ModelCIF file with pLDDT and N, C-alpha, C, O atoms, coordinates in Angstrom:
data_MODEL
#
_entry.id   MODEL 
#
_entity.id                         1 
_entity.type                       polymer 
_entity.pdbx_number_of_molecules   1 
#
_entity_poly.entity_id                      1 
_entity_poly.type                           'polypeptide(L)' 
_entity_poly.nstd_linkage                   no 
_entity_poly.nstd_monomer                   no 
_entity_poly.pdbx_seq_one_letter_code       RRVYLSAEPSGTAGKAVHDGSLTMSAPAERR 
_entity_poly.pdbx_seq_one_letter_code_can   RRVYLSAEPSGTAGKAVHDGSLTMSAPAERR 
_entity_poly.pdbx_strand_id                 A 
#
loop_
_entity_poly_seq.entity_id 
_entity_poly_seq.num 
_entity_poly_seq.mon_id 
_entity_poly_seq.hetero 
1 1  ARG n 
1 2  ARG n 
1 3  VAL n 
1 4  TYR n 
1 5  LEU n 
1 6  SER n 
1 7  ALA n 
1 8  GLU n 
1 9  PRO n 
1 10 SER n 
1 11 GLY n 
1 12 THR n 
1 13 ALA n 
1 14 GLY n 
1 15 LYS n 
1 16 ALA n 
1 17 VAL n 
1 18 HIS n 
1 19 ASP n 
1 20 GLY n 
1 21 SER n 
1 22 LEU n 
1 23 THR n 
1 24 MET n 
1 25 SER n 
1 26 ALA n 
1 27 PRO n 
1 28 ALA n 
1 29 GLU n 
1 30 ARG n 
1 31 ARG n 
#
_struct_asym.id          A 
_struct_asym.entity_id   1 
#
loop_
_ma_qa_metric.id 
_ma_qa_metric.mode 
_ma_qa_metric.name 
_ma_qa_metric.software_group_id 
_ma_qa_metric.type 
1 global pLDDT . pLDDT 
2 local  pLDDT . pLDDT 
#
_ma_qa_metric_global.metric_id      1 
_ma_qa_metric_global.metric_value   96.39 
_ma_qa_metric_global.model_id       1 
_ma_qa_metric_global.ordinal_id     1 
#
loop_
_ma_qa_metric_local.label_asym_id 
_ma_qa_metric_local.label_comp_id 
_ma_qa_metric_local.label_seq_id 
_ma_qa_metric_local.metric_id 
_ma_qa_metric_local.metric_value 
_ma_qa_metric_local.model_id 
_ma_qa_metric_local.ordinal_id 
A ARG 1  2 96.00 1 1  
A ARG 2  2 97.00 1 2  
A VAL 3  2 98.00 1 3  
A TYR 4  2 98.00 1 4  
A LEU 5  2 98.00 1 5  
A SER 6  2 97.00 1 6  
A ALA 7  2 97.00 1 7  
A GLU 8  2 97.00 1 8  
A PRO 9  2 97.00 1 9  
A SER 10 2 97.00 1 10 
A GLY 11 2 97.00 1 11 
A THR 12 2 97.00 1 12 
A ALA 13 2 97.00 1 13 
A GLY 14 2 92.00 1 14 
A LYS 15 2 95.00 1 15 
A ALA 16 2 97.00 1 16 
A VAL 17 2 98.00 1 17 
A HIS 18 2 98.00 1 18 
A ASP 19 2 98.00 1 19 
A GLY 20 2 98.00 1 20 
A SER 21 2 98.00 1 21 
A LEU 22 2 98.00 1 22 
A THR 23 2 97.00 1 23 
A MET 24 2 95.00 1 24 
A SER 25 2 94.00 1 25 
A ALA 26 2 95.00 1 26 
A PRO 27 2 94.00 1 27 
A ALA 28 2 92.00 1 28 
A GLU 29 2 93.00 1 29 
A ARG 30 2 96.00 1 30 
A ARG 31 2 97.00 1 31 
#
loop_
_atom_site.group_PDB 
_atom_site.id 
_atom_site.type_symbol 
_atom_site.label_atom_id 
_atom_site.label_alt_id 
_atom_site.label_comp_id 
_atom_site.label_asym_id 
_atom_site.label_entity_id 
_atom_site.label_seq_id 
_atom_site.pdbx_PDB_ins_code 
_atom_site.Cartn_x 
_atom_site.Cartn_y 
_atom_site.Cartn_z 
_atom_site.occupancy 
_atom_site.B_iso_or_equiv 
_atom_site.pdbx_formal_charge 
_atom_site.auth_seq_id 
_atom_site.auth_comp_id 
_atom_site.auth_asym_id 
_atom_site.auth_atom_id 
_atom_site.pdbx_PDB_model_num 
ATOM 1   N N  . ARG A 1 1  ? 8.153   -13.976 7.445   1.00 96.00 ? 1  ARG A N  1 
ATOM 2   C CA . ARG A 1 1  ? 8.019   -12.517 7.348   1.00 96.00 ? 1  ARG A CA 1 
ATOM 3   C C  . ARG A 1 1  ? 6.545   -12.143 7.211   1.00 96.00 ? 1  ARG A C  1 
ATOM 4   O O  . ARG A 1 1  ? 5.787   -12.767 6.469   1.00 96.00 ? 1  ARG A O  1 
ATOM 5   N N  . ARG A 1 2  ? 6.170   -11.110 7.945   1.00 97.00 ? 2  ARG A N  1 
ATOM 6   C CA . ARG A 1 2  ? 4.836   -10.536 7.773   1.00 97.00 ? 2  ARG A CA 1 
ATOM 7   C C  . ARG A 1 2  ? 4.810   -9.683  6.511   1.00 97.00 ? 2  ARG A C  1 
ATOM 8   O O  . ARG A 1 2  ? 5.680   -8.842  6.286   1.00 97.00 ? 2  ARG A O  1 
ATOM 9   N N  . VAL A 1 3  ? 3.790   -9.923  5.698   1.00 98.00 ? 3  VAL A N  1 
ATOM 10  C CA . VAL A 1 3  ? 3.540   -9.059  4.552   1.00 98.00 ? 3  VAL A CA 1 
ATOM 11  C C  . VAL A 1 3  ? 2.084   -8.615  4.662   1.00 98.00 ? 3  VAL A C  1 
ATOM 12  O O  . VAL A 1 3  ? 1.185   -9.450  4.756   1.00 98.00 ? 3  VAL A O  1 
ATOM 13  N N  . TYR A 1 4  ? 1.851   -7.305  4.652   1.00 98.00 ? 4  TYR A N  1 
ATOM 14  C CA . TYR A 1 4  ? 0.534   -6.760  4.982   1.00 98.00 ? 4  TYR A CA 1 
ATOM 15  C C  . TYR A 1 4  ? -0.350  -6.606  3.746   1.00 98.00 ? 4  TYR A C  1 
ATOM 16  O O  . TYR A 1 4  ? 0.129   -6.337  2.644   1.00 98.00 ? 4  TYR A O  1 
ATOM 17  N N  . LEU A 1 5  ? -1.654  -6.785  3.962   1.00 98.00 ? 5  LEU A N  1 
ATOM 18  C CA . LEU A 1 5  ? -2.634  -6.547  2.917   1.00 98.00 ? 5  LEU A CA 1 
ATOM 19  C C  . LEU A 1 5  ? -3.034  -5.071  2.966   1.00 98.00 ? 5  LEU A C  1 
ATOM 20  O O  . LEU A 1 5  ? -3.466  -4.563  4.000   1.00 98.00 ? 5  LEU A O  1 
ATOM 21  N N  . SER A 1 6  ? -2.883  -4.408  1.844   1.00 97.00 ? 6  SER A N  1 
ATOM 22  C CA . SER A 1 6  ? -3.163  -2.974  1.746   1.00 97.00 ? 6  SER A CA 1 
ATOM 23  C C  . SER A 1 6  ? -4.176  -2.728  0.637   1.00 97.00 ? 6  SER A C  1 
ATOM 24  O O  . SER A 1 6  ? -4.164  -3.415  -0.385  1.00 97.00 ? 6  SER A O  1 
ATOM 25  N N  . ALA A 1 7  ? -5.045  -1.755  0.836   1.00 97.00 ? 7  ALA A N  1 
ATOM 26  C CA . ALA A 1 7  ? -6.038  -1.407  -0.185  1.00 97.00 ? 7  ALA A CA 1 
ATOM 27  C C  . ALA A 1 7  ? -5.440  -0.613  -1.332  1.00 97.00 ? 7  ALA A C  1 
ATOM 28  O O  . ALA A 1 7  ? -6.088  -0.454  -2.366  1.00 97.00 ? 7  ALA A O  1 
ATOM 29  N N  . GLU A 1 8  ? -4.226  -0.114  -1.179  1.00 97.00 ? 8  GLU A N  1 
ATOM 30  C CA . GLU A 1 8  ? -3.589  0.671   -2.240  1.00 97.00 ? 8  GLU A CA 1 
ATOM 31  C C  . GLU A 1 8  ? -3.465  -0.162  -3.512  1.00 97.00 ? 8  GLU A C  1 
ATOM 32  O O  . GLU A 1 8  ? -2.986  -1.294  -3.447  1.00 97.00 ? 8  GLU A O  1 
ATOM 33  N N  . PRO A 1 9  ? -3.876  0.355   -4.657  1.00 97.00 ? 9  PRO A N  1 
ATOM 34  C CA . PRO A 1 9  ? -3.856  -0.439  -5.888  1.00 97.00 ? 9  PRO A CA 1 
ATOM 35  C C  . PRO A 1 9  ? -2.439  -0.786  -6.326  1.00 97.00 ? 9  PRO A C  1 
ATOM 36  O O  . PRO A 1 9  ? -1.519  0.026   -6.218  1.00 97.00 ? 9  PRO A O  1 
ATOM 37  N N  . SER A 1 10 ? -2.283  -2.023  -6.827  1.00 97.00 ? 10 SER A N  1 
ATOM 38  C CA . SER A 1 10 ? -0.986  -2.449  -7.359  1.00 97.00 ? 10 SER A CA 1 
ATOM 39  C C  . SER A 1 10 ? -0.891  -2.170  -8.847  1.00 97.00 ? 10 SER A C  1 
ATOM 40  O O  . SER A 1 10 ? 0.202   -2.148  -9.414  1.00 97.00 ? 10 SER A O  1 
ATOM 41  N N  . GLY A 1 11 ? -2.052  -1.955  -9.485  1.00 97.00 ? 11 GLY A N  1 
ATOM 42  C CA . GLY A 1 11 ? -2.056  -1.712  -10.923 1.00 97.00 ? 11 GLY A CA 1 
ATOM 43  C C  . GLY A 1 11 ? -1.871  -2.971  -11.745 1.00 97.00 ? 11 GLY A C  1 
ATOM 44  O O  . GLY A 1 11 ? -1.551  -2.897  -12.931 1.00 97.00 ? 11 GLY A O  1 
ATOM 45  N N  . THR A 1 12 ? -2.073  -4.144  -11.120 1.00 97.00 ? 12 THR A N  1 
ATOM 46  C CA . THR A 1 12 ? -1.810  -5.399  -11.833 1.00 97.00 ? 12 THR A CA 1 
ATOM 47  C C  . THR A 1 12 ? -3.048  -6.279  -11.981 1.00 97.00 ? 12 THR A C  1 
ATOM 48  O O  . THR A 1 12 ? -2.984  -7.283  -12.690 1.00 97.00 ? 12 THR A O  1 
ATOM 49  N N  . ALA A 1 13 ? -4.165  -5.947  -11.347 1.00 97.00 ? 13 ALA A N  1 
ATOM 50  C CA . ALA A 1 13 ? -5.344  -6.827  -11.356 1.00 97.00 ? 13 ALA A CA 1 
ATOM 51  C C  . ALA A 1 13 ? -6.602  -5.996  -11.520 1.00 97.00 ? 13 ALA A C  1 
ATOM 52  O O  . ALA A 1 13 ? -7.461  -5.974  -10.639 1.00 97.00 ? 13 ALA A O  1 
ATOM 53  N N  . GLY A 1 14 ? -6.707  -5.319  -12.642 1.00 92.00 ? 14 GLY A N  1 
ATOM 54  C CA . GLY A 1 14 ? -7.787  -4.362  -12.850 1.00 92.00 ? 14 GLY A CA 1 
ATOM 55  C C  . GLY A 1 14 ? -9.170  -4.970  -12.894 1.00 92.00 ? 14 GLY A C  1 
ATOM 56  O O  . GLY A 1 14 ? -10.149 -4.267  -12.645 1.00 92.00 ? 14 GLY A O  1 
ATOM 57  N N  . LYS A 1 15 ? -9.292  -6.278  -13.208 1.00 95.00 ? 15 LYS A N  1 
ATOM 58  C CA . LYS A 1 15 ? -10.611 -6.897  -13.312 1.00 95.00 ? 15 LYS A CA 1 
ATOM 59  C C  . LYS A 1 15 ? -11.036 -7.610  -12.032 1.00 95.00 ? 15 LYS A C  1 
ATOM 60  O O  . LYS A 1 15 ? -12.113 -8.204  -11.985 1.00 95.00 ? 15 LYS A O  1 
ATOM 61  N N  . ALA A 1 16 ? -10.205 -7.557  -11.001 1.00 97.00 ? 16 ALA A N  1 
ATOM 62  C CA . ALA A 1 16 ? -10.573 -8.159  -9.722  1.00 97.00 ? 16 ALA A CA 1 
ATOM 63  C C  . ALA A 1 16 ? -11.623 -7.302  -9.027  1.00 97.00 ? 16 ALA A C  1 
ATOM 64  O O  . ALA A 1 16 ? -11.831 -6.143  -9.384  1.00 97.00 ? 16 ALA A O  1 
ATOM 65  N N  . VAL A 1 17 ? -12.283 -7.888  -8.027  1.00 98.00 ? 17 VAL A N  1 
ATOM 66  C CA . VAL A 1 17 ? -13.230 -7.111  -7.215  1.00 98.00 ? 17 VAL A CA 1 
ATOM 67  C C  . VAL A 1 17 ? -12.513 -5.911  -6.604  1.00 98.00 ? 17 VAL A C  1 
ATOM 68  O O  . VAL A 1 17 ? -13.059 -4.810  -6.540  1.00 98.00 ? 17 VAL A O  1 
ATOM 69  N N  . HIS A 1 18 ? -11.271 -6.146  -6.155  1.00 98.00 ? 18 HIS A N  1 
ATOM 70  C CA . HIS A 1 18 ? -10.433 -5.040  -5.708  1.00 98.00 ? 18 HIS A CA 1 
ATOM 71  C C  . HIS A 1 18 ? -8.978  -5.408  -5.979  1.00 98.00 ? 18 HIS A C  1 
ATOM 72  O O  . HIS A 1 18 ? -8.553  -6.531  -5.708  1.00 98.00 ? 18 HIS A O  1 
ATOM 73  N N  . ASP A 1 19 ? -8.235  -4.474  -6.504  1.00 98.00 ? 19 ASP A N  1 
ATOM 74  C CA . ASP A 1 19 ? -6.804  -4.637  -6.773  1.00 98.00 ? 19 ASP A CA 1 
ATOM 75  C C  . ASP A 1 19 ? -6.022  -3.950  -5.661  1.00 98.00 ? 19 ASP A C  1 
ATOM 76  O O  . ASP A 1 19 ? -5.842  -2.732  -5.673  1.00 98.00 ? 19 ASP A O  1 
ATOM 77  N N  . GLY A 1 20 ? -5.557  -4.750  -4.696  1.00 98.00 ? 20 GLY A N  1 
ATOM 78  C CA . GLY A 1 20 ? -4.785  -4.206  -3.594  1.00 98.00 ? 20 GLY A CA 1 
ATOM 79  C C  . GLY A 1 20 ? -3.324  -4.588  -3.684  1.00 98.00 ? 20 GLY A C  1 
ATOM 80  O O  . GLY A 1 20 ? -2.872  -5.152  -4.680  1.00 98.00 ? 20 GLY A O  1 
ATOM 81  N N  . SER A 1 21 ? -2.588  -4.271  -2.624  1.00 98.00 ? 21 SER A N  1 
ATOM 82  C CA . SER A 1 21 ? -1.143  -4.483  -2.624  1.00 98.00 ? 21 SER A CA 1 
ATOM 83  C C  . SER A 1 21 ? -0.701  -5.298  -1.416  1.00 98.00 ? 21 SER A C  1 
ATOM 84  O O  . SER A 1 21 ? -1.405  -5.372  -0.409  1.00 98.00 ? 21 SER A O  1 
ATOM 85  N N  . LEU A 1 22 ? 0.473   -5.905  -1.530  1.00 98.00 ? 22 LEU A N  1 
ATOM 86  C CA . LEU A 1 22 ? 1.189   -6.505  -0.413  1.00 98.00 ? 22 LEU A CA 1 
ATOM 87  C C  . LEU A 1 22 ? 2.354   -5.590  -0.079  1.00 98.00 ? 22 LEU A C  1 
ATOM 88  O O  . LEU A 1 22 ? 3.141   -5.241  -0.958  1.00 98.00 ? 22 LEU A O  1 
ATOM 89  N N  . THR A 1 23 ? 2.469   -5.200  1.178   1.00 97.00 ? 23 THR A N  1 
ATOM 90  C CA . THR A 1 23 ? 3.511   -4.262  1.588   1.00 97.00 ? 23 THR A CA 1 
ATOM 91  C C  . THR A 1 23 ? 4.210   -4.776  2.833   1.00 97.00 ? 23 THR A C  1 
ATOM 92  O O  . THR A 1 23 ? 3.672   -5.617  3.555   1.00 97.00 ? 23 THR A O  1 
ATOM 93  N N  . MET A 1 24 ? 5.394   -4.277  3.081   1.00 95.00 ? 24 MET A N  1 
ATOM 94  C CA . MET A 1 24 ? 6.158   -4.706  4.254   1.00 95.00 ? 24 MET A CA 1 
ATOM 95  C C  . MET A 1 24 ? 5.771   -3.931  5.507   1.00 95.00 ? 24 MET A C  1 
ATOM 96  O O  . MET A 1 24 ? 6.255   -4.241  6.596   1.00 95.00 ? 24 MET A O  1 
ATOM 97  N N  . SER A 1 25 ? 4.902   -2.926  5.371   1.00 94.00 ? 25 SER A N  1 
ATOM 98  C CA . SER A 1 25 ? 4.438   -2.174  6.539   1.00 94.00 ? 25 SER A CA 1 
ATOM 99  C C  . SER A 1 25 ? 2.917   -2.124  6.535   1.00 94.00 ? 25 SER A C  1 
ATOM 100 O O  . SER A 1 25 ? 2.288   -2.220  5.481   1.00 94.00 ? 25 SER A O  1 
ATOM 101 N N  . ALA A 1 26 ? 2.331   -1.973  7.715   1.00 95.00 ? 26 ALA A N  1 
ATOM 102 C CA . ALA A 1 26 ? 0.877   -1.957  7.835   1.00 95.00 ? 26 ALA A CA 1 
ATOM 103 C C  . ALA A 1 26 ? 0.296   -0.742  7.114   1.00 95.00 ? 26 ALA A C  1 
ATOM 104 O O  . ALA A 1 26 ? 0.944   0.302   7.042   1.00 95.00 ? 26 ALA A O  1 
ATOM 105 N N  . PRO A 1 27 ? -0.921  -0.870  6.579   1.00 94.00 ? 27 PRO A N  1 
ATOM 106 C CA . PRO A 1 27 ? -1.524  0.267   5.871   1.00 94.00 ? 27 PRO A CA 1 
ATOM 107 C C  . PRO A 1 27 ? -1.727  1.456   6.811   1.00 94.00 ? 27 PRO A C  1 
ATOM 108 O O  . PRO A 1 27 ? -1.941  1.285   8.011   1.00 94.00 ? 27 PRO A O  1 
ATOM 109 N N  . ALA A 1 28 ? -1.657  2.647   6.252   1.00 92.00 ? 28 ALA A N  1 
ATOM 110 C CA . ALA A 1 28 ? -1.772  3.861   7.064   1.00 92.00 ? 28 ALA A CA 1 
ATOM 111 C C  . ALA A 1 28 ? -3.222  4.221   7.346   1.00 92.00 ? 28 ALA A C  1 
ATOM 112 O O  . ALA A 1 28 ? -3.511  4.890   8.338   1.00 92.00 ? 28 ALA A O  1 
ATOM 113 N N  . GLU A 1 29 ? -4.148  3.780   6.477   1.00 93.00 ? 29 GLU A N  1 
ATOM 114 C CA . GLU A 1 29 ? -5.549  4.152   6.635   1.00 93.00 ? 29 GLU A CA 1 
ATOM 115 C C  . GLU A 1 29 ? -6.412  2.901   6.739   1.00 93.00 ? 29 GLU A C  1 
ATOM 116 O O  . GLU A 1 29 ? -6.076  1.842   6.207   1.00 93.00 ? 29 GLU A O  1 
ATOM 117 N N  . ARG A 1 30 ? -7.518  3.051   7.428   1.00 96.00 ? 30 ARG A N  1 
ATOM 118 C CA . ARG A 1 30 ? -8.459  1.949   7.558   1.00 96.00 ? 30 ARG A CA 1 
ATOM 119 C C  . ARG A 1 30 ? -9.362  1.886   6.341   1.00 96.00 ? 30 ARG A C  1 
ATOM 120 O O  . ARG A 1 30 ? -9.888  2.900   5.882   1.00 96.00 ? 30 ARG A O  1 
ATOM 121 N N  . ARG A 1 31 ? -9.533  0.657   5.819   1.00 97.00 ? 31 ARG A N  1 
ATOM 122 C CA . ARG A 1 31 ? -10.438 0.432   4.696   1.00 97.00 ? 31 ARG A CA 1 
ATOM 123 C C  . ARG A 1 31 ? -11.194 -0.869  4.915   1.00 97.00 ? 31 ARG A C  1 
ATOM 124 O O  . ARG A 1 31 ? -12.016 -1.253  4.083   1.00 97.00 ? 31 ARG A O  1 
#
């Protein structure tokens, strides 16, 4: 299964360089 990398925050990794999400659909915006 494809799982997409999204810039939308997951709220679970606040100290990372960036806290993004894994989603079942491609992100709507370019980042």
